[in-house]
Amino acid sequence: MNDKVLFERHALNLGKLLANLQSIEMGARMAIVKLDKRAADQVQSQLPQLKAGDMVELNALTNGDDLRQTLEKYNKRAALDCRMEIEPIVNLRDALAHGRAFGFGPVKPLRLLKFSRKAKGDKVLIELALDMTDEWFHKSVNILDQALEKIRKTLDYEMKEFR
């Protein structure tokens, strides 16, 4: 396989991860709202008409909760079989959001490093170092797919795939 094909596959896999992370957060927020009748009524009546500058009620869709807080609230409300393991999802999101992905020389799997936010003198701890291999992408996508399926089940949505 040539370098261009490898690089394109890497970019597509990275896009899958990012899109799935966005879908998990939005889906969890939607599920929390769905399970709260008052919030569900507000969202259904307000969202389609909102414009920049409007003020809306705070709820799971509009609040500033981070991903961990959102998934914790989702898990408290979801049926037991629809709850998810939060840590791997949040760790993946943080690594992609705050890490540094790079490659040197001929295209190989890109490397992902995440550095501590706190320095010790003039040094900083490396919290994560991994190669973004096909196997790593496959494992990561599977983790996110399982979470999305649980959210889909909670929302009682039909599964649609784009091809």
Protein backbone atom coordinates (compact mmCIF):
# COMPACT_ATOMS: atom_id res chain seq x y z
CA MET A 1 0.00 0.00 0.00
CA ASN A 2 1.44 3.37 -0.96
CA ASP A 3 1.91 6.33 1.38
CA LYS A 4 -0.99 8.30 -0.11
CA VAL A 5 -3.47 5.47 0.50
CA LEU A 6 -2.20 5.02 4.07
CA PHE A 7 -2.49 8.72 4.78
CA GLU A 8 -6.02 8.89 3.32
CA ARG A 9 -7.10 5.86 5.36
CA HIS A 10 -5.65 7.48 8.47
CA ALA A 11 -7.56 10.72 7.78
CA LEU A 12 -10.83 8.81 7.24
CA ASN A 13 -10.35 6.84 10.46
CA LEU A 14 -9.61 10.01 12.39
CA GLY A 15 -12.75 11.56 10.92
CA LYS A 16 -14.80 8.55 12.08
CA LEU A 17 -13.50 8.96 15.61
CA LEU A 18 -14.22 12.67 15.73
CA ALA A 19 -17.70 12.29 14.22
CA ASN A 20 -18.55 9.45 16.61
CA LEU A 21 -17.37 11.48 19.62
CA GLN A 22 -19.58 14.38 18.51
CA SER A 23 -22.50 11.99 18.02
CA ILE A 24 -22.00 10.43 21.46
CA GLU A 25 -22.06 13.79 23.22
CA MET A 26 -25.06 15.07 21.27
CA GLY A 27 -26.88 11.74 21.58
CA ALA A 28 -26.31 11.60 25.35
CA ARG A 29 -27.60 15.16 25.69
CA MET A 30 -30.66 14.30 23.58
CA ALA A 31 -31.32 11.18 25.68
CA ILE A 32 -31.13 13.17 28.93
CA VAL A 33 -33.58 15.69 27.50
CA LYS A 34 -35.88 12.93 26.24
CA LEU A 35 -36.02 11.41 29.73
CA ASP A 36 -37.02 14.82 31.22
CA LYS A 37 -40.53 15.68 30.00
CA ARG A 38 -40.27 19.41 30.77
CA ALA A 39 -36.94 19.76 28.97
CA ALA A 40 -38.18 17.63 26.07
CA ASP A 41 -41.18 19.90 25.58
CA GLN A 42 -38.97 23.01 25.65
CA VAL A 43 -36.46 21.61 23.20
CA GLN A 44 -39.08 20.43 20.73
CA SER A 45 -40.88 23.76 20.75
CA GLN A 46 -37.86 26.09 20.90
CA LEU A 47 -34.98 24.59 18.93
CA PRO A 48 -36.43 24.78 15.42
CA GLN A 49 -37.04 28.52 15.80
CA LEU A 50 -33.90 29.72 17.61
CA LYS A 51 -31.79 32.58 16.29
CA ALA A 52 -28.47 34.03 17.45
CA GLY A 53 -29.15 36.36 20.38
CA ASP A 54 -32.15 34.38 21.71
CA MET A 55 -32.17 33.25 25.35
CA VAL A 56 -33.26 29.70 26.20
CA GLU A 57 -33.78 27.60 29.32
CA LEU A 58 -30.83 25.61 30.63
CA ASN A 59 -31.12 21.89 30.05
CA ALA A 60 -28.87 19.02 28.98
CA LEU A 61 -28.79 20.32 25.42
CA THR A 62 -27.94 23.92 26.29
CA ASN A 63 -25.75 23.67 29.41
CA GLY A 64 -21.97 23.87 29.49
CA ASP A 65 -21.36 20.39 30.90
CA ASP A 66 -18.24 18.72 29.56
CA LEU A 67 -18.30 15.25 28.03
CA ARG A 68 -17.61 13.44 31.33
CA GLN A 69 -20.38 15.32 33.15
CA THR A 70 -22.80 14.69 30.29
CA LEU A 71 -22.07 10.95 30.17
CA GLU A 72 -22.34 10.66 33.97
CA LYS A 73 -25.77 12.30 33.85
CA TYR A 74 -26.74 10.05 30.93
CA ASN A 75 -25.68 6.92 32.86
CA LYS A 76 -27.75 7.99 35.90
CA ARG A 77 -30.87 8.14 33.73
CA ALA A 78 -30.34 5.33 31.22
CA ALA A 79 -31.50 1.75 31.66
CA LEU A 80 -28.80 -0.55 33.05
CA ASP A 81 -28.18 -2.21 29.69
CA CYS A 82 -27.76 1.19 28.01
CA ARG A 83 -25.16 2.58 30.39
CA MET A 84 -21.64 2.95 29.08
CA GLU A 85 -18.12 2.92 30.40
CA ILE A 86 -17.19 6.59 30.48
CA GLU A 87 -13.43 6.57 31.02
CA PRO A 88 -12.30 5.15 27.64
CA ILE A 89 -14.53 7.60 25.77
CA VAL A 90 -13.37 10.64 27.72
CA ASN A 91 -9.72 9.56 27.53
CA LEU A 92 -9.94 9.16 23.75
CA ARG A 93 -11.65 12.52 23.35
CA ASP A 94 -9.07 14.24 25.56
CA ALA A 95 -6.17 12.61 23.72
CA LEU A 96 -7.50 13.78 20.36
CA ALA A 97 -8.47 17.25 21.62
CA HIS A 98 -5.36 18.00 23.66
CA GLY A 99 -2.75 15.66 22.20
CA ARG A 100 -0.29 16.23 19.38
CA ALA A 101 -0.55 13.97 16.34
CA PHE A 102 2.42 13.97 14.00
CA GLY A 103 4.57 11.96 11.65
CA PHE A 104 8.16 12.20 10.53
CA GLY A 105 9.70 11.01 7.30
CA PRO A 106 7.81 8.55 5.12
CA VAL A 107 4.18 8.16 6.14
CA LYS A 108 3.84 5.60 8.89
CA PRO A 109 1.15 5.45 11.47
CA LEU A 110 1.02 8.89 12.96
CA ARG A 111 2.10 9.19 16.57
CA LEU A 112 -0.13 10.71 19.24
CA LEU A 113 1.42 12.31 22.32
CA LYS A 114 -0.41 13.96 25.18
CA PHE A 115 1.60 16.08 27.57
CA SER A 116 0.72 16.95 31.15
CA ARG A 117 -0.58 20.46 31.64
CA LYS A 118 1.74 20.93 34.62
CA ALA A 119 5.48 21.24 34.21
CA LYS A 120 8.06 20.10 36.75
CA GLY A 121 10.72 22.73 36.43
CA ASP A 122 11.56 22.89 32.75
CA LYS A 123 10.18 19.40 31.97
CA VAL A 124 6.72 18.06 31.26
CA LEU A 125 5.37 14.53 31.75
CA ILE A 126 4.20 12.57 28.72
CA GLU A 127 0.79 11.20 29.74
CA LEU A 128 0.10 9.28 26.54
CA ALA A 129 2.27 8.02 23.70
CA LEU A 130 0.84 5.75 21.03
CA ASP A 131 0.98 4.91 17.36
CA MET A 132 -2.31 5.47 15.59
CA THR A 133 -2.27 2.09 13.82
CA ASP A 134 -5.15 0.44 11.98
CA GLU A 135 -5.58 -1.83 15.00
CA TRP A 136 -5.78 1.18 17.36
CA PHE A 137 -8.34 2.89 15.11
CA HIS A 138 -10.41 -0.31 14.89
CA LYS A 139 -10.42 -0.75 18.67
CA SER A 140 -11.26 2.92 19.26
CA VAL A 141 -14.07 2.95 16.69
CA ASN A 142 -15.54 -0.20 18.28
CA ILE A 143 -15.58 1.44 21.73
CA LEU A 144 -17.44 4.42 20.30
CA ASP A 145 -19.79 2.26 18.19
CA GLN A 146 -20.85 0.35 21.32
CA ALA A 147 -21.59 3.61 23.14
CA LEU A 148 -23.55 4.95 20.16
CA GLU A 149 -25.64 1.78 20.04
CA LYS A 150 -26.56 2.19 23.71
CA ILE A 151 -27.58 5.79 23.11
CA ARG A 152 -29.53 4.79 20.00
CA LYS A 153 -31.38 2.20 22.07
CA THR A 154 -32.14 4.77 24.80
CA LEU A 155 -33.44 7.22 22.21
CA ASP A 156 -35.30 4.42 20.42
CA TYR A 157 -33.89 5.62 17.12
CA GLU A 158 -33.60 3.63 13.94
CA MET A 159 -30.03 2.86 12.86
CA LYS A 160 -29.07 4.55 9.59
CA GLU A 161 -25.80 4.09 7.78
CA PHE A 162 -24.35 6.36 5.15
CA ARG A 163 -22.54 4.72 2.28
